[in-house]
Amino acid sequence: MVTISLKDSKYQCDSLKFVCIVCILAAHFVFLFVIPSAKVFGHAGEVSNRSVLGNTGGMENHRENELLILSRFIPGHIDLSLDATLPQWKESFENNLRSPWGHDVSVRTINNASHIFFLLSWDDPTIVPIGTEAKVQKGTDGSAIIFERPVERALNQEMSNSRVEGESGKEIRDSWYWVTNSPTSAGMITKAEEHNGNWNVLIGREIQVKNKNENGSSISFQPGVREEGFIKFVVWDGSKGESFEQINDETLSHYDFILLPEVNIYPKDVYIWSAVLITGAVLFLLVEQRLYKVRSIKVPKR
């Protein structure tokens, strides 16, 4: 008996179809996973390549130098640690900004779809310890994050609150504060530590706020939406006579902001169809292998 392998044109055509299916699947997964990641990291590059450093006075208007602040999505529980080397903070996008009086501030922000937190770090050689009595210290150190949204872009829960700060004007405003003599503000989650002449301050709260009266804070966040000129930062050194009251916040740098959702910007049915495609490709391969064995026939020797 002689074994003859029949590699005819039909089989070659089927093999070509299989190769095409594999290529389509590969391109599909590149589009599904790689492109969204590249899009996110592209935003990060925009942030790192456009850092703003104002004059040492720091009171110049920097509206024309807006940056993009990205709040990275972190699944599950957020560790309220001030250690920037933790994975949750290392995965975030760091922004180096300049605050009034020449303070260079590192800003990181993360969210888990229910809460959002900011980690601010800056050098302060004259740190005023937390809880120091006012009669002993020259002033309090502190930081503030200021949010502004035009009234015409207000969310429903913001407009339903009749006491939204700035409602009678052109913007809805919200300010988050941390100061050494009163480190915990109502409705906010704050934490701070002194480390090698630096302040590390954590401040955050729930992403959605239904009632300002519950926590004194009004702004809600929209996942995946770019908010132009939405956020401002300021820190001050009380030992040098600096204070938030001296700030005209209209002169502060305005930064664009995006609350990143989970990296799944496509409808969930795409993943279902992906599973169907994979299953189809595997079945096609199994059928081709079986047909190949059938085509290899044995014929009697003459």
C-alpha atoms as a PDB file:
ATOM      1  CA  MET A   1       0.000   0.000   0.000  1.00  0.00           C
ATOM      2  CA  VAL A   2       1.216   3.507  -0.846  1.00  0.00           C
ATOM      3  CA  THR A   3       0.102   6.607   1.045  1.00  0.00           C
ATOM      4  CA  ILE A   4      -0.641   9.630  -1.138  1.00  0.00           C
ATOM      5  CA  SER A   5      -1.225  13.097   0.382  1.00  0.00           C
ATOM      6  CA  LEU A   6      -3.642  15.047  -1.779  1.00  0.00           C
ATOM      7  CA  LYS A   7      -2.746  18.709  -1.282  1.00  0.00           C
ATOM      8  CA  ASP A   8      -5.095  19.988  -3.902  1.00  0.00           C
ATOM      9  CA  SER A   9      -6.066  23.559  -4.687  1.00  0.00           C
ATOM     10  CA  LYS A  10      -9.219  23.289  -2.590  1.00  0.00           C
ATOM     11  CA  TYR A  11      -7.215  22.454   0.513  1.00  0.00           C
ATOM     12  CA  GLN A  12      -4.812  25.295  -0.183  1.00  0.00           C
ATOM     13  CA  CYS A  13      -7.803  27.612  -0.514  1.00  0.00           C
ATOM     14  CA  ASP A  14      -9.192  26.410   2.808  1.00  0.00           C
ATOM     15  CA  SER A  15      -5.813  26.960   4.435  1.00  0.00           C
ATOM     16  CA  LEU A  16      -5.744  30.478   3.059  1.00  0.00           C
ATOM     17  CA  LYS A  17      -9.158  31.078   4.588  1.00  0.00           C
ATOM     18  CA  PHE A  18      -7.847  29.886   7.925  1.00  0.00           C
ATOM     19  CA  VAL A  19      -4.867  32.226   7.738  1.00  0.00           C
ATOM     20  CA  CYS A  20      -7.207  35.098   6.912  1.00  0.00           C
ATOM     21  CA  ILE A  21      -9.404  34.286   9.913  1.00  0.00           C
ATOM     22  CA  VAL A  22      -6.372  34.241  12.200  1.00  0.00           C
ATOM     23  CA  CYS A  23      -5.228  37.621  10.849  1.00  0.00           C
ATOM     24  CA  ILE A  24      -8.695  39.111  11.333  1.00  0.00           C
ATOM     25  CA  LEU A  25      -8.802  37.831  14.922  1.00  0.00           C
ATOM     26  CA  ALA A  26      -5.349  39.249  15.622  1.00  0.00           C
ATOM     27  CA  ALA A  27      -6.329  42.632  14.201  1.00  0.00           C
ATOM     28  CA  HIS A  28      -9.539  42.531  16.211  1.00  0.00           C
ATOM     29  CA  PHE A  29      -7.721  42.033  19.493  1.00  0.00           C
ATOM     30  CA  VAL A  30      -5.155  44.688  18.667  1.00  0.00           C
ATOM     31  CA  PHE A  31      -8.004  47.116  18.130  1.00  0.00           C
ATOM     32  CA  LEU A  32      -9.847  45.885  21.225  1.00  0.00           C
ATOM     33  CA  PHE A  33      -7.008  46.088  23.739  1.00  0.00           C
ATOM     34  CA  VAL A  34      -3.939  47.867  22.394  1.00  0.00           C
ATOM     35  CA  ILE A  35      -5.609  50.946  20.933  1.00  0.00           C
ATOM     36  CA  PRO A  36      -7.542  51.867  24.119  1.00  0.00           C
ATOM     37  CA  SER A  37      -4.322  51.517  26.131  1.00  0.00           C
ATOM     38  CA  ALA A  38      -2.430  53.637  23.627  1.00  0.00           C
ATOM     39  CA  LYS A  39      -5.171  56.225  23.826  1.00  0.00           C
ATOM     40  CA  VAL A  40      -4.887  56.414  27.620  1.00  0.00           C
ATOM     41  CA  PHE A  41      -1.091  56.522  27.637  1.00  0.00           C
ATOM     42  CA  GLY A  42      -1.216  59.115  24.882  1.00  0.00           C
ATOM     43  CA  HIS A  43      -3.094  61.366  27.284  1.00  0.00           C
ATOM     44  CA  ALA A  44      -0.387  60.677  29.862  1.00  0.00           C
ATOM     45  CA  GLY A  45       2.264  61.790  27.393  1.00  0.00           C
ATOM     46  CA  GLU A  46       0.358  64.982  26.796  1.00  0.00           C
ATOM     47  CA  VAL A  47       0.410  65.657  30.527  1.00  0.00           C
ATOM     48  CA  SER A  48       4.093  64.912  31.067  1.00  0.00           C
ATOM     49  CA  ASN A  49       5.256  66.812  27.996  1.00  0.00           C
ATOM     50  CA  ARG A  50       3.348  69.990  28.781  1.00  0.00           C
ATOM     51  CA  SER A  51       4.203  70.676  32.419  1.00  0.00           C
ATOM     52  CA  VAL A  52       3.658  74.272  33.406  1.00  0.00           C
ATOM     53  CA  LEU A  53       6.133  76.163  35.536  1.00  0.00           C
ATOM     54  CA  GLY A  54       5.165  79.734  36.233  1.00  0.00           C
ATOM     55  CA  ASN A  55       7.209  82.588  37.647  1.00  0.00           C
ATOM     56  CA  THR A  56       8.459  82.321  41.203  1.00  0.00           C
ATOM     57  CA  GLY A  57       5.738  84.744  42.225  1.00  0.00           C
ATOM     58  CA  GLY A  58       3.251  82.240  40.952  1.00  0.00           C
ATOM     59  CA  MET A  59       0.430  84.791  40.612  1.00  0.00           C
ATOM     60  CA  GLU A  60       0.413  84.844  36.809  1.00  0.00           C
ATOM     61  CA  ASN A  61      -2.646  83.686  34.876  1.00  0.00           C
ATOM     62  CA  HIS A  62      -1.869  80.414  33.064  1.00  0.00           C
ATOM     63  CA  ARG A  63      -5.187  79.755  31.324  1.00  0.00           C
ATOM     64  CA  GLU A  64      -3.395  79.411  27.996  1.00  0.00           C
ATOM     65  CA  ASN A  65      -1.227  76.600  29.420  1.00  0.00           C
ATOM     66  CA  GLU A  66      -3.951  74.135  30.313  1.00  0.00           C
ATOM     67  CA  LEU A  67      -2.949  70.549  31.029  1.00  0.00           C
ATOM     68  CA  LEU A  68      -4.929  67.348  31.170  1.00  0.00           C
ATOM     69  CA  ILE A  69      -5.349  65.771  34.611  1.00  0.00           C
ATOM     70  CA  LEU A  70      -6.288  62.089  34.371  1.00  0.00           C
ATOM     71  CA  SER A  71      -7.848  60.190  37.269  1.00  0.00           C
ATOM     72  CA  ARG A  72      -6.814  56.572  36.676  1.00  0.00           C
ATOM     73  CA  PHE A  73      -9.367  53.827  37.327  1.00  0.00           C
ATOM     74  CA  ILE A  74      -8.249  51.330  39.987  1.00  0.00           C
ATOM     75  CA  PRO A  75     -10.503  48.296  40.460  1.00  0.00           C
ATOM     76  CA  GLY A  76     -11.584  47.345  43.956  1.00  0.00           C
ATOM     77  CA  HIS A  77     -10.573  48.894  47.260  1.00  0.00           C
ATOM     78  CA  ILE A  78      -8.375  52.005  47.351  1.00  0.00           C
ATOM     79  CA  ASP A  79      -5.658  51.960  49.995  1.00  0.00           C
ATOM     80  CA  LEU A  80      -5.673  55.304  51.805  1.00  0.00           C
ATOM     81  CA  SER A  81      -1.895  55.258  52.017  1.00  0.00           C
ATOM     82  CA  LEU A  82       0.346  58.230  51.311  1.00  0.00           C
ATOM     83  CA  ASP A  83       3.126  56.024  49.955  1.00  0.00           C
ATOM     84  CA  ALA A  84       3.547  57.027  46.297  1.00  0.00           C
ATOM     85  CA  THR A  85       5.464  53.790  45.627  1.00  0.00           C
ATOM     86  CA  LEU A  86       2.334  51.671  46.098  1.00  0.00           C
ATOM     87  CA  PRO A  87       1.132  50.045  42.854  1.00  0.00           C
ATOM     88  CA  GLN A  88      -2.102  52.047  42.854  1.00  0.00           C
ATOM     89  CA  TRP A  89      -0.174  55.341  42.811  1.00  0.00           C
ATOM     90  CA  LYS A  90       2.595  54.110  40.506  1.00  0.00           C
ATOM     91  CA  GLU A  91      -0.089  53.206  37.960  1.00  0.00           C
ATOM     92  CA  SER A  92      -1.552  56.709  38.157  1.00  0.00           C
ATOM     93  CA  PHE A  93      -0.440  59.656  36.025  1.00  0.00           C
ATOM     94  CA  GLU A  94       1.815  62.099  37.880  1.00  0.00           C
ATOM     95  CA  ASN A  95       1.558  65.793  37.050  1.00  0.00           C
ATOM     96  CA  ASN A  96       4.177  68.304  38.214  1.00  0.00           C
ATOM     97  CA  LEU A  97       2.552  71.700  38.629  1.00  0.00           C
ATOM     98  CA  ARG A  98       3.539  75.041  40.095  1.00  0.00           C
ATOM     99  CA  SER A  99       1.448  76.660  42.773  1.00  0.00           C
ATOM    100  CA  PRO A 100       1.596  80.327  43.866  1.00  0.00           C
ATOM    101  CA  TRP A 101       4.734  81.375  45.796  1.00  0.00           C
ATOM    102  CA  GLY A 102       6.755  78.975  43.628  1.00  0.00           C
ATOM    103  CA  HIS A 103       5.711  75.692  45.258  1.00  0.00           C
ATOM    104  CA  ASP A 104       6.266  72.715  42.936  1.00  0.00           C
ATOM    105  CA  VAL A 105       3.457  70.227  43.525  1.00  0.00           C
ATOM    106  CA  SER A 106       3.204  66.592  42.456  1.00  0.00           C
ATOM    107  CA  VAL A 107      -0.407  65.642  41.731  1.00  0.00           C
ATOM    108  CA  ARG A 108      -1.752  62.103  41.334  1.00  0.00           C
ATOM    109  CA  THR A 109      -5.367  61.009  41.230  1.00  0.00           C
ATOM    110  CA  ILE A 110      -7.160  57.662  41.120  1.00  0.00           C
ATOM    111  CA  ASN A 111     -10.747  56.433  41.319  1.00  0.00           C
ATOM    112  CA  ASN A 112     -12.586  53.133  41.697  1.00  0.00           C
ATOM    113  CA  ALA A 113     -15.912  54.258  40.164  1.00  0.00           C
ATOM    114  CA  SER A 114     -17.365  55.095  43.595  1.00  0.00           C
ATOM    115  CA  HIS A 115     -14.672  57.321  45.174  1.00  0.00           C
ATOM    116  CA  ILE A 116     -11.985  59.633  43.839  1.00  0.00           C
ATOM    117  CA  PHE A 117      -8.752  60.589  45.634  1.00  0.00           C
ATOM    118  CA  PHE A 118      -5.941  63.050  45.000  1.00  0.00           C
ATOM    119  CA  LEU A 119      -2.409  62.704  46.374  1.00  0.00           C
ATOM    120  CA  LEU A 120      -0.584  66.042  46.604  1.00  0.00           C
ATOM    121  CA  SER A 121       3.116  66.212  47.512  1.00  0.00           C
ATOM    122  CA  TRP A 122       5.295  69.296  47.843  1.00  0.00           C
ATOM    123  CA  ASP A 123       8.480  70.427  49.540  1.00  0.00           C
ATOM    124  CA  ASP A 124       8.131  72.561  52.684  1.00  0.00           C
ATOM    125  CA  PRO A 125      11.379  73.237  54.597  1.00  0.00           C
ATOM    126  CA  THR A 126       9.430  75.069  57.320  1.00  0.00           C
ATOM    127  CA  ILE A 127       6.770  72.433  57.957  1.00  0.00           C
ATOM    128  CA  VAL A 128       4.231  73.368  60.630  1.00  0.00           C
ATOM    129  CA  PRO A 129       3.391  70.086  62.432  1.00  0.00           C
ATOM    130  CA  ILE A 130      -0.219  68.933  62.382  1.00  0.00           C
ATOM    131  CA  GLY A 131      -2.141  70.104  65.431  1.00  0.00           C
ATOM    132  CA  THR A 132       0.341  72.832  66.415  1.00  0.00           C
ATOM    133  CA  GLU A 133      -1.395  75.473  68.506  1.00  0.00           C
ATOM    134  CA  ALA A 134      -2.172  78.712  66.692  1.00  0.00           C
ATOM    135  CA  LYS A 135      -0.458  80.796  69.398  1.00  0.00           C
ATOM    136  CA  VAL A 136       2.804  78.914  68.796  1.00  0.00           C
ATOM    137  CA  GLN A 137       2.835  78.720  65.009  1.00  0.00           C
ATOM    138  CA  LYS A 138       3.050  81.652  62.634  1.00  0.00           C
ATOM    139  CA  GLY A 139       0.351  80.240  60.374  1.00  0.00           C
ATOM    140  CA  THR A 140      -1.087  77.045  59.036  1.00  0.00           C
ATOM    141  CA  ASP A 141       0.118  75.033  56.076  1.00  0.00           C
ATOM    142  CA  GLY A 142      -2.541  73.825  53.702  1.00  0.00           C
ATOM    143  CA  SER A 143      -3.739  72.887  50.255  1.00  0.00           C
ATOM    144  CA  ALA A 144      -6.893  73.316  48.214  1.00  0.00           C
ATOM    145  CA  ILE A 145      -8.394  71.763  45.107  1.00  0.00           C
ATOM    146  CA  ILE A 146     -10.906  73.990  43.341  1.00  0.00           C
ATOM    147  CA  PHE A 147     -13.456  72.734  40.815  1.00  0.00           C
ATOM    148  CA  GLU A 148     -15.437  74.916  38.430  1.00  0.00           C
ATOM    149  CA  ARG A 149     -18.148  73.915  35.951  1.00  0.00           C
ATOM    150  CA  PRO A 150     -20.244  76.319  33.836  1.00  0.00           C
ATOM    151  CA  VAL A 151     -23.864  76.385  34.946  1.00  0.00           C
ATOM    152  CA  GLU A 152     -25.015  75.435  31.451  1.00  0.00           C
ATOM    153  CA  ARG A 153     -23.066  72.149  31.790  1.00  0.00           C
ATOM    154  CA  ALA A 154     -24.244  71.406  35.330  1.00  0.00           C
ATOM    155  CA  LEU A 155     -25.377  67.877  36.123  1.00  0.00           C
ATOM    156  CA  ASN A 156     -28.932  67.236  37.262  1.00  0.00           C
ATOM    157  CA  GLN A 157     -27.957  66.543  40.862  1.00  0.00           C
ATOM    158  CA  GLU A 158     -26.023  69.824  40.964  1.00  0.00           C
ATOM    159  CA  MET A 159     -28.855  71.957  39.594  1.00  0.00           C
ATOM    160  CA  SER A 160     -31.358  70.335  41.971  1.00  0.00           C
ATOM    161  CA  ASN A 161     -29.320  71.631  44.901  1.00  0.00           C
ATOM    162  CA  SER A 162     -30.641  75.129  45.520  1.00  0.00           C
ATOM    163  CA  ARG A 163     -27.582  76.094  47.550  1.00  0.00           C
ATOM    164  CA  VAL A 164     -24.899  75.204  45.027  1.00  0.00           C
ATOM    165  CA  GLU A 165     -21.997  77.584  45.487  1.00  0.00           C
ATOM    166  CA  GLY A 166     -21.884  80.035  42.592  1.00  0.00           C
ATOM    167  CA  GLU A 167     -25.308  79.018  41.236  1.00  0.00           C
ATOM    168  CA  SER A 168     -26.342  82.634  40.760  1.00  0.00           C
ATOM    169  CA  GLY A 169     -23.215  83.284  38.691  1.00  0.00           C
ATOM    170  CA  LYS A 170     -21.743  81.670  35.618  1.00  0.00           C
ATOM    171  CA  GLU A 171     -20.067  78.709  37.312  1.00  0.00           C
ATOM    172  CA  ILE A 172     -20.756  76.007  39.861  1.00  0.00           C
ATOM    173  CA  ARG A 173     -17.813  75.972  42.254  1.00  0.00           C
ATOM    174  CA  ASP A 174     -16.563  73.506  44.818  1.00  0.00           C
ATOM    175  CA  SER A 175     -13.416  73.695  46.962  1.00  0.00           C
ATOM    176  CA  TRP A 176     -11.731  70.888  48.867  1.00  0.00           C
ATOM    177  CA  TYR A 177      -9.432  72.060  51.681  1.00  0.00           C
ATOM    178  CA  TRP A 178      -6.830  70.591  53.956  1.00  0.00           C
ATOM    179  CA  VAL A 179      -5.034  72.646  56.643  1.00  0.00           C
ATOM    180  CA  THR A 180      -2.792  71.640  59.533  1.00  0.00           C
ATOM    181  CA  ASN A 181      -4.969  73.014  62.333  1.00  0.00           C
ATOM    182  CA  SER A 182      -8.113  71.348  60.959  1.00  0.00           C
ATOM    183  CA  PRO A 183      -6.968  68.432  58.801  1.00  0.00           C
ATOM    184  CA  THR A 184     -10.401  66.794  58.467  1.00  0.00           C
ATOM    185  CA  SER A 185     -13.125  68.751  56.702  1.00  0.00           C
ATOM    186  CA  ALA A 186     -16.794  67.761  56.802  1.00  0.00           C
ATOM    187  CA  GLY A 187     -17.767  65.116  54.295  1.00  0.00           C
ATOM    188  CA  MET A 188     -14.231  64.720  52.967  1.00  0.00           C
ATOM    189  CA  ILE A 189     -11.705  61.954  53.499  1.00  0.00           C
ATOM    190  CA  THR A 190      -8.326  63.514  54.245  1.00  0.00           C
ATOM    191  CA  LYS A 191      -4.989  62.245  55.466  1.00  0.00           C
ATOM    192  CA  ALA A 192      -1.561  63.868  55.696  1.00  0.00           C
ATOM    193  CA  GLU A 193       1.974  63.156  56.783  1.00  0.00           C
ATOM    194  CA  GLU A 194       5.320  64.937  56.977  1.00  0.00           C
ATOM    195  CA  HIS A 195       8.189  63.067  55.338  1.00  0.00           C
ATOM    196  CA  ASN A 196      11.735  64.376  54.848  1.00  0.00           C
ATOM    197  CA  GLY A 197      10.656  67.991  54.581  1.00  0.00           C
ATOM    198  CA  ASN A 198       7.687  67.227  52.346  1.00  0.00           C
ATOM    199  CA  TRP A 199       3.957  67.282  52.816  1.00  0.00           C
ATOM    200  CA  ASN A 200       2.020  64.316  51.449  1.00  0.00           C
ATOM    201  CA  VAL A 201      -1.708  64.999  51.520  1.00  0.00           C
ATOM    202  CA  LEU A 202      -4.549  62.679  50.507  1.00  0.00           C
ATOM    203  CA  ILE A 203      -7.969  64.191  49.890  1.00  0.00           C
ATOM    204  CA  GLY A 204     -11.083  62.732  48.320  1.00  0.00           C
ATOM    205  CA  ARG A 205     -14.703  61.689  48.580  1.00  0.00           C
ATOM    206  CA  GLU A 206     -17.519  59.948  46.718  1.00  0.00           C
ATOM    207  CA  ILE A 207     -17.724  60.599  42.972  1.00  0.00           C
ATOM    208  CA  GLN A 208     -21.448  61.334  42.942  1.00  0.00           C
ATOM    209  CA  VAL A 209     -23.082  63.687  45.440  1.00  0.00           C
ATOM    210  CA  LYS A 210     -26.874  63.691  45.743  1.00  0.00           C
ATOM    211  CA  ASN A 211     -27.222  66.294  48.464  1.00  0.00           C
ATOM    212  CA  LYS A 212     -24.750  69.019  49.301  1.00  0.00           C
ATOM    213  CA  ASN A 213     -26.127  69.217  52.834  1.00  0.00           C
ATOM    214  CA  GLU A 214     -24.841  65.715  53.571  1.00  0.00           C
ATOM    215  CA  ASN A 215     -21.176  66.534  53.107  1.00  0.00           C
ATOM    216  CA  GLY A 216     -20.827  70.204  52.216  1.00  0.00           C
ATOM    217  CA  SER A 217     -19.547  69.386  48.722  1.00  0.00           C
ATOM    218  CA  SER A 218     -21.470  69.927  45.510  1.00  0.00           C
ATOM    219  CA  ILE A 219     -19.510  68.884  42.405  1.00  0.00           C
ATOM    220  CA  SER A 220     -20.181  65.494  40.848  1.00  0.00           C
ATOM    221  CA  PHE A 221     -17.937  63.822  38.282  1.00  0.00           C
ATOM    222  CA  GLN A 222     -18.698  62.456  34.817  1.00  0.00           C
ATOM    223  CA  PRO A 223     -16.707  59.334  33.861  1.00  0.00           C
ATOM    224  CA  GLY A 224     -15.011  59.540  30.488  1.00  0.00           C
ATOM    225  CA  VAL A 225     -15.896  63.206  29.850  1.00  0.00           C
ATOM    226  CA  ARG A 226     -13.208  65.824  29.274  1.00  0.00           C
ATOM    227  CA  GLU A 227     -13.983  68.811  31.498  1.00  0.00           C
ATOM    228  CA  GLU A 228     -12.197  71.887  30.161  1.00  0.00           C
ATOM    229  CA  GLY A 229     -10.658  74.286  32.703  1.00  0.00           C
ATOM    230  CA  PHE A 230     -12.296  72.222  35.442  1.00  0.00           C
ATOM    231  CA  ILE A 231      -9.692  71.979  38.203  1.00  0.00           C
ATOM    232  CA  LYS A 232      -7.123  74.174  40.008  1.00  0.00           C
ATOM    233  CA  PHE A 233      -4.589  73.479  42.763  1.00  0.00           C
ATOM    234  CA  VAL A 234      -2.924  75.638  45.400  1.00  0.00           C
ATOM    235  CA  VAL A 235      -0.695  74.978  48.456  1.00  0.00           C
ATOM    236  CA  TRP A 236       0.717  77.420  50.982  1.00  0.00           C
ATOM    237  CA  ASP A 237       3.349  77.708  53.704  1.00  0.00           C
ATOM    238  CA  GLY A 238       1.967  79.314  56.859  1.00  0.00           C
ATOM    239  CA  SER A 239       5.434  79.896  58.349  1.00  0.00           C
ATOM    240  CA  LYS A 240       6.148  82.325  55.513  1.00  0.00           C
ATOM    241  CA  GLY A 241       2.913  84.220  56.017  1.00  0.00           C
ATOM    242  CA  GLU A 242       1.184  82.527  53.066  1.00  0.00           C
ATOM    243  CA  SER A 243      -2.516  81.717  53.260  1.00  0.00           C
ATOM    244  CA  PHE A 244      -5.414  80.779  51.043  1.00  0.00           C
ATOM    245  CA  GLU A 245      -7.097  84.097  51.813  1.00  0.00           C
ATOM    246  CA  GLN A 246      -4.323  85.877  49.888  1.00  0.00           C
ATOM    247  CA  ILE A 247      -5.109  83.941  46.709  1.00  0.00           C
ATOM    248  CA  ASN A 248      -7.175  85.348  43.878  1.00  0.00           C
ATOM    249  CA  ASP A 249      -8.242  82.007  42.467  1.00  0.00           C
ATOM    250  CA  GLU A 250      -9.008  83.595  39.101  1.00  0.00           C
ATOM    251  CA  THR A 251      -5.241  83.891  38.615  1.00  0.00           C
ATOM    252  CA  LEU A 252      -4.650  80.189  39.247  1.00  0.00           C
ATOM    253  CA  SER A 253      -3.841  77.781  36.431  1.00  0.00           C
ATOM    254  CA  HIS A 254      -6.890  75.959  35.082  1.00  0.00           C
ATOM    255  CA  TYR A 255      -6.456  72.332  34.031  1.00  0.00           C
ATOM    256  CA  ASP A 256      -8.626  70.033  31.953  1.00  0.00           C
ATOM    257  CA  PHE A 257      -9.753  66.875  33.716  1.00  0.00           C
ATOM    258  CA  ILE A 258     -10.977  63.374  32.807  1.00  0.00           C
ATOM    259  CA  LEU A 259     -12.280  60.806  35.275  1.00  0.00           C
ATOM    260  CA  LEU A 260     -11.207  57.632  33.499  1.00  0.00           C
ATOM    261  CA  PRO A 261     -13.649  54.717  33.665  1.00  0.00           C
ATOM    262  CA  GLU A 262     -12.605  51.095  33.552  1.00  0.00           C
ATOM    263  CA  VAL A 263     -10.679  50.533  30.300  1.00  0.00           C
ATOM    264  CA  ASN A 264     -13.647  49.077  28.463  1.00  0.00           C
ATOM    265  CA  ILE A 265     -14.805  51.759  26.074  1.00  0.00           C
ATOM    266  CA  TYR A 266     -16.634  49.282  23.867  1.00  0.00           C
ATOM    267  CA  PRO A 267     -20.086  47.698  24.332  1.00  0.00           C
ATOM    268  CA  LYS A 268     -19.937  44.469  26.276  1.00  0.00           C
ATOM    269  CA  ASP A 269     -21.462  42.518  23.363  1.00  0.00           C
ATOM    270  CA  VAL A 270     -18.128  42.974  21.566  1.00  0.00           C
ATOM    271  CA  TYR A 271     -16.592  40.537  24.040  1.00  0.00           C
ATOM    272  CA  ILE A 272     -19.400  38.075  23.371  1.00  0.00           C
ATOM    273  CA  TRP A 273     -18.742  38.242  19.638  1.00  0.00           C
ATOM    274  CA  SER A 274     -15.035  37.885  20.339  1.00  0.00           C
ATOM    275  CA  ALA A 275     -15.726  34.601  22.132  1.00  0.00           C
ATOM    276  CA  VAL A 276     -17.841  33.475  19.171  1.00  0.00           C
ATOM    277  CA  LEU A 277     -15.030  34.293  16.735  1.00  0.00           C
ATOM    278  CA  ILE A 278     -12.472  32.427  18.825  1.00  0.00           C
ATOM    279  CA  THR A 279     -14.722  29.386  19.105  1.00  0.00           C
ATOM    280  CA  GLY A 280     -15.349  29.471  15.369  1.00  0.00           C
ATOM    281  CA  ALA A 281     -11.637  29.650  14.596  1.00  0.00           C
ATOM    282  CA  VAL A 282     -10.863  26.685  16.873  1.00  0.00           C
ATOM    283  CA  LEU A 283     -13.643  24.607  15.341  1.00  0.00           C
ATOM    284  CA  PHE A 284     -12.424  25.522  11.855  1.00  0.00           C
ATOM    285  CA  LEU A 285      -8.937  24.307  12.760  1.00  0.00           C
ATOM    286  CA  LEU A 286     -10.272  21.005  14.125  1.00  0.00           C
ATOM    287  CA  VAL A 287     -12.374  20.419  11.021  1.00  0.00           C
ATOM    288  CA  GLU A 288      -9.407  21.193   8.758  1.00  0.00           C
ATOM    289  CA  GLN A 289      -7.257  18.688  10.616  1.00  0.00           C
ATOM    290  CA  ARG A 290      -9.932  16.016  10.261  1.00  0.00           C
ATOM    291  CA  LEU A 291     -10.388  16.728   6.542  1.00  0.00           C
ATOM    292  CA  TYR A 292      -6.637  16.556   6.013  1.00  0.00           C
ATOM    293  CA  LYS A 293      -6.589  13.015   7.437  1.00  0.00           C
ATOM    294  CA  VAL A 294      -9.435  12.034   5.125  1.00  0.00           C
ATOM    295  CA  ARG A 295      -7.612  13.411   2.087  1.00  0.00           C
ATOM    296  CA  SER A 296      -4.570  11.320   2.943  1.00  0.00           C
ATOM    297  CA  ILE A 297      -5.777   8.052   1.403  1.00  0.00           C
ATOM    298  CA  LYS A 298      -4.287   4.677   0.829  1.00  0.00           C
ATOM    299  CA  VAL A 299      -4.411   3.219  -2.686  1.00  0.00           C
ATOM    300  CA  PRO A 300      -3.359  -0.328  -3.749  1.00  0.00           C
ATOM    301  CA  LYS A 301      -0.042  -0.766  -5.529  1.00  0.00           C
ATOM    302  CA  ARG A 302      -0.406  -1.901  -9.172  1.00  0.00           C
END
